[in-house]
Amino acid sequence: MSSFDEYGNGSASPSDISTNKWKAVCSYLGILILIPLLLGGDSTFAKYHAKQGLNVFILYVLSGIVSHIPFLPFDGLISGVAYFSALILSIIGIINAVQGNMKPLPLIGHIRIF
């Protein structure tokens, strides 16, 4: 059973966290986001981190797209900042997953894709 407070922080059962911690960590490792999406089952913990990881993955993809737009001024700077931000958010997400926390990521954590 999971619950969320007014800030989006959630909690899952200790057994859910211990069983699915590795899946939650995979959520922040690029294409490995498919692991919790496909194998997460009914785990609240894995699904929560998969949704957070999807936001980070989209930021990685957008940084790559922006870097290939030739007419965009400062494209290298914009894509570099986006990529570095995604890297920092991945590290924060991994730390949250390892510690068993369900906290939204800064700036993009409240965006819901699905």
Protein backbone atom coordinates (compact mmCIF):
# COMPACT_ATOMS: atom_id res chain seq x y z
CA MET A 1 0.00 0.00 0.00
CA SER A 2 1.33 3.43 -0.82
CA SER A 3 0.48 6.91 0.34
CA PHE A 4 1.57 10.39 -0.73
CA ASP A 5 1.71 13.68 1.16
CA GLU A 6 0.89 17.12 -0.24
CA TYR A 7 4.46 17.49 -1.58
CA GLY A 8 4.36 14.30 -3.64
CA ASN A 9 6.53 12.30 -1.24
CA GLY A 10 5.32 8.76 -1.00
CA SER A 11 5.90 5.58 0.86
CA ALA A 12 5.70 1.93 -0.01
CA SER A 13 5.81 -1.19 2.10
CA PRO A 14 9.26 -2.29 3.28
CA SER A 15 8.93 -5.58 1.40
CA ASP A 16 8.06 -3.74 -1.83
CA ILE A 17 11.10 -1.49 -1.41
CA SER A 18 13.55 -4.29 -0.64
CA THR A 19 12.29 -6.52 -3.47
CA ASN A 20 12.19 -3.81 -6.14
CA LYS A 21 15.07 -1.52 -5.20
CA TRP A 22 17.26 -2.72 -8.08
CA LYS A 23 14.44 -2.09 -10.56
CA ALA A 24 14.01 1.42 -9.19
CA VAL A 25 17.73 2.12 -9.66
CA CYS A 26 17.50 0.91 -13.28
CA SER A 27 14.89 3.62 -13.87
CA TYR A 28 17.64 6.24 -13.93
CA LEU A 29 20.10 4.40 -16.18
CA GLY A 30 18.98 5.38 -19.68
CA ILE A 31 17.36 2.65 -21.72
CA LEU A 32 17.35 0.37 -18.67
CA ILE A 33 14.16 2.20 -17.73
CA LEU A 34 12.46 -0.62 -19.64
CA ILE A 35 13.24 -3.01 -16.77
CA PRO A 36 10.91 -1.43 -14.19
CA LEU A 37 8.37 -0.54 -16.87
CA LEU A 38 8.16 -4.14 -18.09
CA LEU A 39 9.07 -6.11 -14.94
CA GLY A 40 7.76 -3.81 -12.22
CA GLY A 41 4.48 -5.67 -11.93
CA ASP A 42 2.27 -4.13 -9.28
CA SER A 43 5.16 -2.63 -7.32
CA THR A 44 4.31 0.91 -6.23
CA PHE A 45 7.98 1.61 -5.55
CA ALA A 46 9.21 0.47 -8.99
CA LYS A 47 6.40 2.25 -10.83
CA TYR A 48 7.03 5.51 -8.98
CA HIS A 49 10.72 5.51 -9.88
CA ALA A 50 9.97 4.40 -13.45
CA LYS A 51 7.79 7.49 -13.89
CA GLN A 52 10.51 9.71 -12.43
CA GLY A 53 13.14 8.00 -14.58
CA LEU A 54 11.03 8.50 -17.70
CA ASN A 55 11.14 12.26 -17.13
CA VAL A 56 14.94 12.11 -16.85
CA PHE A 57 15.20 9.91 -19.95
CA ILE A 58 13.12 12.39 -21.95
CA LEU A 59 15.47 15.16 -20.79
CA TYR A 60 18.44 13.11 -22.06
CA VAL A 61 16.71 12.61 -25.42
CA LEU A 62 15.84 16.30 -25.71
CA SER A 63 19.44 17.27 -24.99
CA GLY A 64 20.53 15.05 -27.87
CA ILE A 65 17.93 16.48 -30.23
CA VAL A 66 18.85 20.07 -29.38
CA SER A 67 22.53 19.36 -30.01
CA HIS A 68 21.71 18.42 -33.62
CA ILE A 69 19.66 21.50 -34.54
CA PRO A 70 22.08 23.59 -36.62
CA PHE A 71 20.13 26.88 -36.74
CA LEU A 72 19.47 27.09 -32.99
CA PRO A 73 21.71 29.69 -31.34
CA PHE A 74 23.74 28.36 -28.41
CA ASP A 75 22.66 24.80 -29.20
CA GLY A 76 25.81 23.37 -27.61
CA LEU A 77 25.26 25.33 -24.41
CA ILE A 78 21.57 24.44 -24.20
CA SER A 79 22.14 20.74 -24.85
CA GLY A 80 25.07 20.70 -22.43
CA VAL A 81 23.01 22.22 -19.63
CA ALA A 82 20.14 19.82 -20.35
CA TYR A 83 22.47 16.81 -20.38
CA PHE A 84 24.25 17.87 -17.18
CA SER A 85 20.88 18.49 -15.51
CA ALA A 86 19.70 15.03 -16.53
CA LEU A 87 22.90 13.52 -15.13
CA ILE A 88 22.44 15.28 -11.78
CA LEU A 89 18.76 14.29 -11.65
CA SER A 90 19.74 10.67 -12.38
CA ILE A 91 22.14 10.69 -9.45
CA ILE A 92 19.48 12.17 -7.15
CA GLY A 93 16.99 9.55 -8.33
CA ILE A 94 19.44 6.70 -7.74
CA ILE A 95 20.18 7.99 -4.25
CA ASN A 96 16.44 8.19 -3.50
CA ALA A 97 15.88 4.67 -4.82
CA VAL A 98 18.79 3.17 -2.86
CA GLN A 99 17.59 4.86 0.32
CA GLY A 100 14.04 3.59 -0.26
CA ASN A 101 12.59 7.09 -0.66
CA MET A 102 9.77 8.13 -2.94
CA LYS A 103 10.53 11.83 -3.39
CA PRO A 104 9.86 13.77 -6.58
CA LEU A 105 12.92 14.98 -8.44
CA PRO A 106 13.62 18.73 -8.44
CA LEU A 107 12.07 20.69 -11.33
CA ILE A 108 10.73 17.71 -13.29
CA GLY A 109 9.46 15.40 -10.57
CA HIS A 110 5.88 16.61 -10.69
CA ILE A 111 5.53 16.13 -14.46
CA ARG A 112 3.32 13.12 -15.20
CA ILE A 113 3.81 11.40 -18.55
CA PHE A 114 1.59 8.40 -17.76
